[in-house]
Amino acid sequence: MTGMSVEDYQAMMNAGGCSPDGFRSIRDKN
């Protein structure tokens, strides 16, 4: 992870974060 809690990480992604891990999560959902 990135050293932050899952909730903070999800909030960052929802705010438009550009982390590779975020893109992986989006691809997994598809």
PDB file of N, CA and C in Angstrom:
ATOM      1  N   MET A   1       0.858  -1.196   0.000  1.00  0.00           N
ATOM      2  CA  MET A   1       0.000   0.000   0.000  1.00  0.00           C
ATOM      3  C   MET A   1       0.894   1.246   0.000  1.00  0.00           C
ATOM      4  N   THR A   2       0.333   2.366   0.402  1.00  0.00           N
ATOM      5  CA  THR A   2       1.083   3.624   0.318  1.00  0.00           C
ATOM      6  C   THR A   2       1.337   4.217   1.700  1.00  0.00           C
ATOM      7  N   GLY A   3       1.159   3.421   2.761  1.00  0.00           N
ATOM      8  CA  GLY A   3       1.425   3.908   4.104  1.00  0.00           C
ATOM      9  C   GLY A   3       0.247   4.649   4.711  1.00  0.00           C
ATOM     10  N   MET A   4      -0.914   4.586   4.065  1.00  0.00           N
ATOM     11  CA  MET A   4      -2.115   5.231   4.604  1.00  0.00           C
ATOM     12  C   MET A   4      -3.186   4.184   4.822  1.00  0.00           C
ATOM     13  N   SER A   5      -4.230   4.542   5.560  1.00  0.00           N
ATOM     14  CA  SER A   5      -5.290   3.575   5.816  1.00  0.00           C
ATOM     15  C   SER A   5      -6.105   3.328   4.558  1.00  0.00           C
ATOM     16  N   VAL A   6      -6.827   2.225   4.533  1.00  0.00           N
ATOM     17  CA  VAL A   6      -7.638   1.892   3.362  1.00  0.00           C
ATOM     18  C   VAL A   6      -8.668   2.986   3.109  1.00  0.00           C
ATOM     19  N   GLU A   7      -9.262   3.500   4.171  1.00  0.00           N
ATOM     20  CA  GLU A   7     -10.285   4.543   4.004  1.00  0.00           C
ATOM     21  C   GLU A   7      -9.679   5.795   3.385  1.00  0.00           C
ATOM     22  N   ASP A   8      -8.510   6.209   3.876  1.00  0.00           N
ATOM     23  CA  ASP A   8      -7.852   7.395   3.316  1.00  0.00           C
ATOM     24  C   ASP A   8      -7.465   7.151   1.866  1.00  0.00           C
ATOM     25  N   TYR A   9      -7.010   5.931   1.584  1.00  0.00           N
ATOM     26  CA  TYR A   9      -6.593   5.587   0.222  1.00  0.00           C
ATOM     27  C   TYR A   9      -7.788   5.656  -0.718  1.00  0.00           C
ATOM     28  N   GLN A  10      -8.914   5.075  -0.305  1.00  0.00           N
ATOM     29  CA  GLN A  10     -10.114   5.104  -1.141  1.00  0.00           C
ATOM     30  C   GLN A  10     -10.595   6.536  -1.329  1.00  0.00           C
ATOM     31  N   ALA A  11     -10.522   7.343  -0.280  1.00  0.00           N
ATOM     32  CA  ALA A  11     -10.945   8.737  -0.387  1.00  0.00           C
ATOM     33  C   ALA A  11     -10.073   9.477  -1.395  1.00  0.00           C
ATOM     34  N   MET A  12      -8.769   9.194  -1.385  1.00  0.00           N
ATOM     35  CA  MET A  12      -7.853   9.832  -2.331  1.00  0.00           C
ATOM     36  C   MET A  12      -8.213   9.420  -3.754  1.00  0.00           C
ATOM     37  N   MET A  13      -8.484   8.133  -3.959  1.00  0.00           N
ATOM     38  CA  MET A  13      -8.833   7.652  -5.297  1.00  0.00           C
ATOM     39  C   MET A  13     -10.134   8.302  -5.756  1.00  0.00           C
ATOM     40  N   ASN A  14     -11.110   8.400  -4.858  1.00  0.00           N
ATOM     41  CA  ASN A  14     -12.385   9.022  -5.211  1.00  0.00           C
ATOM     42  C   ASN A  14     -12.190  10.490  -5.558  1.00  0.00           C
ATOM     43  N   ALA A  15     -11.156  11.113  -4.980  1.00  0.00           N
ATOM     44  CA  ALA A  15     -10.887  12.525  -5.242  1.00  0.00           C
ATOM     45  C   ALA A  15     -10.111  12.713  -6.542  1.00  0.00           C
ATOM     46  N   GLY A  16      -9.737  11.617  -7.189  1.00  0.00           N
ATOM     47  CA  GLY A  16      -9.059  11.731  -8.483  1.00  0.00           C
ATOM     48  C   GLY A  16      -7.579  11.403  -8.408  1.00  0.00           C
ATOM     49  N   GLY A  17      -7.181  10.562  -7.452  1.00  0.00           N
ATOM     50  CA  GLY A  17      -5.777  10.171  -7.347  1.00  0.00           C
ATOM     51  C   GLY A  17      -5.334   9.397  -8.582  1.00  0.00           C
ATOM     52  N   CYS A  18      -4.035   9.443  -8.884  1.00  0.00           N
ATOM     53  CA  CYS A  18      -3.523   8.797 -10.104  1.00  0.00           C
ATOM     54  C   CYS A  18      -2.529   7.701  -9.748  1.00  0.00           C
ATOM     55  N   SER A  19      -2.764   6.984  -8.659  1.00  0.00           N
ATOM     56  CA  SER A  19      -1.847   5.925  -8.241  1.00  0.00           C
ATOM     57  C   SER A  19      -2.018   4.676  -9.092  1.00  0.00           C
ATOM     58  N   PRO A  20      -0.926   4.030  -9.494  1.00  0.00           N
ATOM     59  CA  PRO A  20      -1.022   2.770 -10.255  1.00  0.00           C
ATOM     60  C   PRO A  20      -1.868   1.739  -9.529  1.00  0.00           C
ATOM     61  N   ASP A  21      -1.776   1.685  -8.196  1.00  0.00           N
ATOM     62  CA  ASP A  21      -2.593   0.736  -7.445  1.00  0.00           C
ATOM     63  C   ASP A  21      -4.071   1.037  -7.652  1.00  0.00           C
ATOM     64  N   GLY A  22      -4.401   2.301  -7.759  1.00  0.00           N
ATOM     65  CA  GLY A  22      -5.795   2.681  -7.992  1.00  0.00           C
ATOM     66  C   GLY A  22      -6.279   2.167  -9.333  1.00  0.00           C
ATOM     67  N   PHE A  23      -5.444   2.309 -10.367  1.00  0.00           N
ATOM     68  CA  PHE A  23      -5.840   1.826 -11.685  1.00  0.00           C
ATOM     69  C   PHE A  23      -6.000   0.315 -11.669  1.00  0.00           C
ATOM     70  N   ARG A  24      -5.145  -0.388 -10.920  1.00  0.00           N
ATOM     71  CA  ARG A  24      -5.263  -1.845 -10.821  1.00  0.00           C
ATOM     72  C   ARG A  24      -6.603  -2.211 -10.199  1.00  0.00           C
ATOM     73  N   SER A  25      -7.002  -1.487  -9.154  1.00  0.00           N
ATOM     74  CA  SER A  25      -8.272  -1.788  -8.499  1.00  0.00           C
ATOM     75  C   SER A  25      -9.424  -1.590  -9.470  1.00  0.00           C
ATOM     76  N   ILE A  26      -9.375  -0.519 -10.263  1.00  0.00           N
ATOM     77  CA  ILE A  26     -10.443  -0.249 -11.229  1.00  0.00           C
ATOM     78  C   ILE A  26     -10.502  -1.377 -12.259  1.00  0.00           C
ATOM     79  N   ARG A  27      -9.342  -1.821 -12.725  1.00  0.00           N
ATOM     80  CA  ARG A  27      -9.322  -2.902 -13.719  1.00  0.00           C
ATOM     81  C   ARG A  27      -9.871  -4.181 -13.118  1.00  0.00           C
ATOM     82  N   ASP A  28      -9.569  -4.456 -11.853  1.00  0.00           N
ATOM     83  CA  ASP A  28     -10.059  -5.676 -11.217  1.00  0.00           C
ATOM     84  C   ASP A  28     -11.585  -5.651 -11.128  1.00  0.00           C
ATOM     85  N   LYS A  29     -12.159  -4.476 -10.882  1.00  0.00           N
ATOM     86  CA  LYS A  29     -13.619  -4.381 -10.794  1.00  0.00           C
ATOM     87  C   LYS A  29     -14.259  -4.632 -12.151  1.00  0.00           C
ATOM     88  N   ASN A  30     -13.560  -4.268 -13.218  1.00  0.00           N
ATOM     89  CA  ASN A  30     -14.097  -4.514 -14.557  1.00  0.00           C
ATOM     90  C   ASN A  30     -13.834  -5.959 -14.921  1.00  0.00           C
TER      91      ASN A  30
END
